[in-house]
Protein backbone atom coordinates (compact mmCIF):
# COMPACT_ATOMS: atom_id res chain seq x y z
CA MET A 1 -228.54 -69.27 -32.12
CA ASN A 2 -225.43 -68.75 -29.85
CA PRO A 3 -225.73 -65.93 -27.22
CA GLU A 4 -224.14 -63.11 -29.23
CA GLN A 5 -227.35 -63.60 -31.69
CA ALA A 6 -229.88 -63.54 -28.96
CA PHE A 7 -228.36 -60.35 -27.55
CA SER A 8 -228.04 -58.55 -30.98
CA ILE A 9 -232.13 -59.82 -31.61
CA SER A 10 -233.07 -58.86 -27.73
CA ASN A 11 -231.13 -55.21 -28.22
CA SER A 12 -233.06 -54.76 -31.59
CA LEU A 13 -236.06 -55.25 -30.01
CA ALA A 14 -235.74 -52.87 -26.80
CA LEU A 15 -234.47 -50.09 -29.56
CA ALA A 16 -237.35 -50.75 -31.22
CA GLY A 17 -239.54 -49.86 -28.47
CA TRP A 18 -237.94 -47.03 -27.21
CA LEU A 19 -238.32 -45.21 -30.55
CA ILE A 20 -241.70 -45.67 -30.74
CA LEU A 21 -241.84 -44.74 -27.10
CA ILE A 22 -239.78 -41.44 -28.31
CA PHE A 23 -241.33 -40.36 -31.75
CA THR A 24 -245.03 -42.04 -30.93
CA GLY A 25 -245.49 -42.62 -27.37
CA ARG A 26 -248.54 -40.24 -27.39
CA LYS A 27 -250.35 -42.45 -29.64
CA ARG A 28 -253.13 -44.60 -28.09
CA TRP A 29 -251.93 -47.94 -29.27
CA SER A 30 -248.36 -46.79 -28.21
CA ALA A 31 -247.47 -46.85 -24.41
CA PRO A 32 -250.39 -48.64 -23.19
CA LEU A 33 -250.23 -51.74 -25.22
CA VAL A 34 -246.85 -52.24 -27.92
CA THR A 35 -244.01 -50.70 -25.28
CA GLY A 36 -245.96 -51.21 -22.23
CA ALA A 37 -247.17 -54.88 -23.01
CA ILE A 38 -246.07 -56.43 -25.88
CA LEU A 39 -242.65 -55.76 -26.01
CA PRO A 40 -241.67 -56.20 -22.39
CA ALA A 41 -243.77 -59.69 -22.73
CA LEU A 42 -241.55 -60.95 -25.53
CA LEU A 43 -238.36 -59.88 -23.71
CA ALA A 44 -239.87 -61.45 -20.55
CA ILE A 45 -240.69 -65.04 -22.72
CA LEU A 46 -236.87 -64.89 -23.88
CA TYR A 47 -236.02 -64.51 -20.39
CA ALA A 48 -237.78 -67.29 -19.00
CA ILE A 49 -236.25 -69.51 -22.07
CA LEU A 50 -233.07 -68.15 -20.88
CA LEU A 51 -233.23 -69.14 -17.19
CA ALA A 52 -235.31 -72.44 -17.76
CA THR A 53 -232.23 -74.16 -20.50
CA HIS A 54 -229.04 -72.44 -18.70
CA PHE A 55 -229.92 -71.86 -14.79
CA ALA A 56 -229.79 -75.29 -13.28
CA GLY A 57 -226.67 -76.44 -12.52
CA SER A 58 -224.76 -73.35 -13.05
CA ASP A 59 -222.05 -71.78 -11.29
CA GLY A 60 -222.85 -68.56 -8.25
CA GLY A 61 -226.12 -67.58 -7.12
CA PHE A 62 -227.63 -64.62 -5.77
CA GLY A 63 -226.32 -64.58 -2.33
CA SER A 64 -223.32 -62.42 -2.68
CA LEU A 65 -221.76 -60.49 -5.29
CA ALA A 66 -218.99 -63.05 -5.67
CA GLU A 67 -221.80 -65.50 -6.36
CA VAL A 68 -223.64 -62.75 -9.07
CA SER A 69 -220.25 -63.02 -10.82
CA LYS A 70 -219.89 -66.41 -11.19
CA LEU A 71 -223.13 -66.41 -12.12
CA PHE A 72 -223.20 -64.12 -15.02
CA ALA A 73 -219.96 -65.59 -16.16
CA ASN A 74 -221.84 -67.97 -18.04
CA PRO A 75 -222.85 -65.34 -21.08
CA TRP A 76 -226.56 -67.28 -21.30
CA LEU A 77 -226.89 -66.23 -17.88
CA LEU A 78 -225.55 -62.52 -18.38
CA LEU A 79 -227.21 -62.72 -21.19
CA ALA A 80 -230.81 -63.13 -19.05
CA GLY A 81 -229.77 -60.71 -16.86
CA TRP A 82 -229.07 -58.34 -19.62
CA VAL A 83 -232.84 -58.85 -20.95
CA HIS A 84 -233.99 -58.47 -17.59
CA TYR A 85 -232.91 -54.89 -17.74
CA LEU A 86 -234.42 -54.54 -20.91
CA ALA A 87 -237.70 -55.56 -19.82
CA PHE A 88 -237.91 -53.51 -17.12
CA ASP A 89 -236.51 -50.38 -18.49
CA LEU A 90 -238.75 -50.19 -21.27
CA PHE A 91 -242.06 -51.03 -18.90
CA ILE A 92 -240.19 -48.26 -16.67
CA GLY A 93 -240.67 -45.93 -19.94
CA SER A 94 -243.95 -47.08 -20.81
CA TRP A 95 -244.87 -45.74 -17.49
CA GLN A 96 -243.53 -42.55 -17.71
CA VAL A 97 -245.19 -42.26 -21.01
CA ARG A 98 -248.85 -43.41 -19.74
CA ASP A 99 -248.06 -41.00 -16.14
CA ALA A 100 -247.00 -37.90 -18.13
CA GLN A 101 -250.19 -38.02 -20.58
CA SER A 102 -252.47 -38.60 -17.09
CA ARG A 103 -250.66 -35.60 -15.34
CA GLN A 104 -249.94 -33.57 -19.15
CA ILE A 105 -246.40 -33.32 -18.72
CA PRO A 106 -245.09 -32.63 -22.20
CA HIS A 107 -243.77 -35.49 -24.02
CA LEU A 108 -240.72 -33.28 -25.37
CA VAL A 109 -240.07 -33.16 -21.79
CA VAL A 110 -240.65 -36.34 -20.68
CA ILE A 111 -238.14 -37.20 -24.15
CA PRO A 112 -235.13 -36.84 -21.89
CA CYS A 113 -236.04 -38.65 -19.05
CA LEU A 114 -236.52 -41.46 -21.84
CA ILE A 115 -233.27 -41.89 -23.21
CA LEU A 116 -231.46 -41.53 -19.98
CA THR A 117 -234.24 -44.73 -18.59
CA PHE A 118 -232.59 -46.46 -22.15
CA LEU A 119 -229.56 -45.52 -21.20
CA PHE A 120 -229.09 -45.45 -17.17
CA GLY A 121 -232.60 -47.02 -16.32
CA PRO A 122 -232.83 -45.80 -12.47
CA ILE A 123 -231.49 -42.41 -13.10
CA GLY A 124 -233.85 -41.94 -16.26
CA LEU A 125 -236.13 -43.06 -13.35
CA LEU A 126 -235.17 -40.34 -11.18
CA LEU A 127 -235.13 -37.59 -13.33
CA TYR A 128 -238.88 -38.45 -14.49
CA LEU A 129 -239.75 -38.53 -10.83
CA ALA A 130 -238.30 -35.24 -10.07
CA ILE A 131 -240.10 -33.48 -13.14
CA ARG A 132 -243.32 -35.17 -11.58
CA LEU A 133 -242.81 -33.70 -8.32
CA VAL A 134 -242.29 -29.90 -9.95
CA ARG A 135 -244.91 -30.29 -13.05
CA ALA A 136 -247.57 -32.07 -10.75
CA ARG A 137 -246.54 -31.64 -7.30
CA SER A 138 -247.19 -35.34 -6.38
CA LEU A 139 -245.07 -38.44 -6.01
CA ARG A 140 -247.87 -40.66 -5.27
CA LEU A 141 -248.26 -43.63 -7.52
CA ASP A 142 -251.91 -43.84 -7.96
């Protein structure tokens, strides 16, 4: 398998998770299990494999933007970085759905947040937190 094939598979997996969240996010099995645990865990396993097989001896690092740029010049490590985003964004989207359910925020209100989290990560989270503040009058994460 080459990096492009692994990229395509990981994107398809993440997209399936986002579609599950959007269309069946309020089902008992959806956000708590499939998109909150199983799919992020599969992406995390892929991430761990990519790091274990391609990180040692690579150029670059995390000490400066130039080092990160050098690190991501390796397509396998760039893929690892992408998979990292896919896993964490899906986990956050799943949390948004579960949190909205517990605070009685309608799923239709959460869907734009999910789409933005899928496409632009922190912007979707920011929108959800704003909606949560207005609807539930709280930012507490307990």
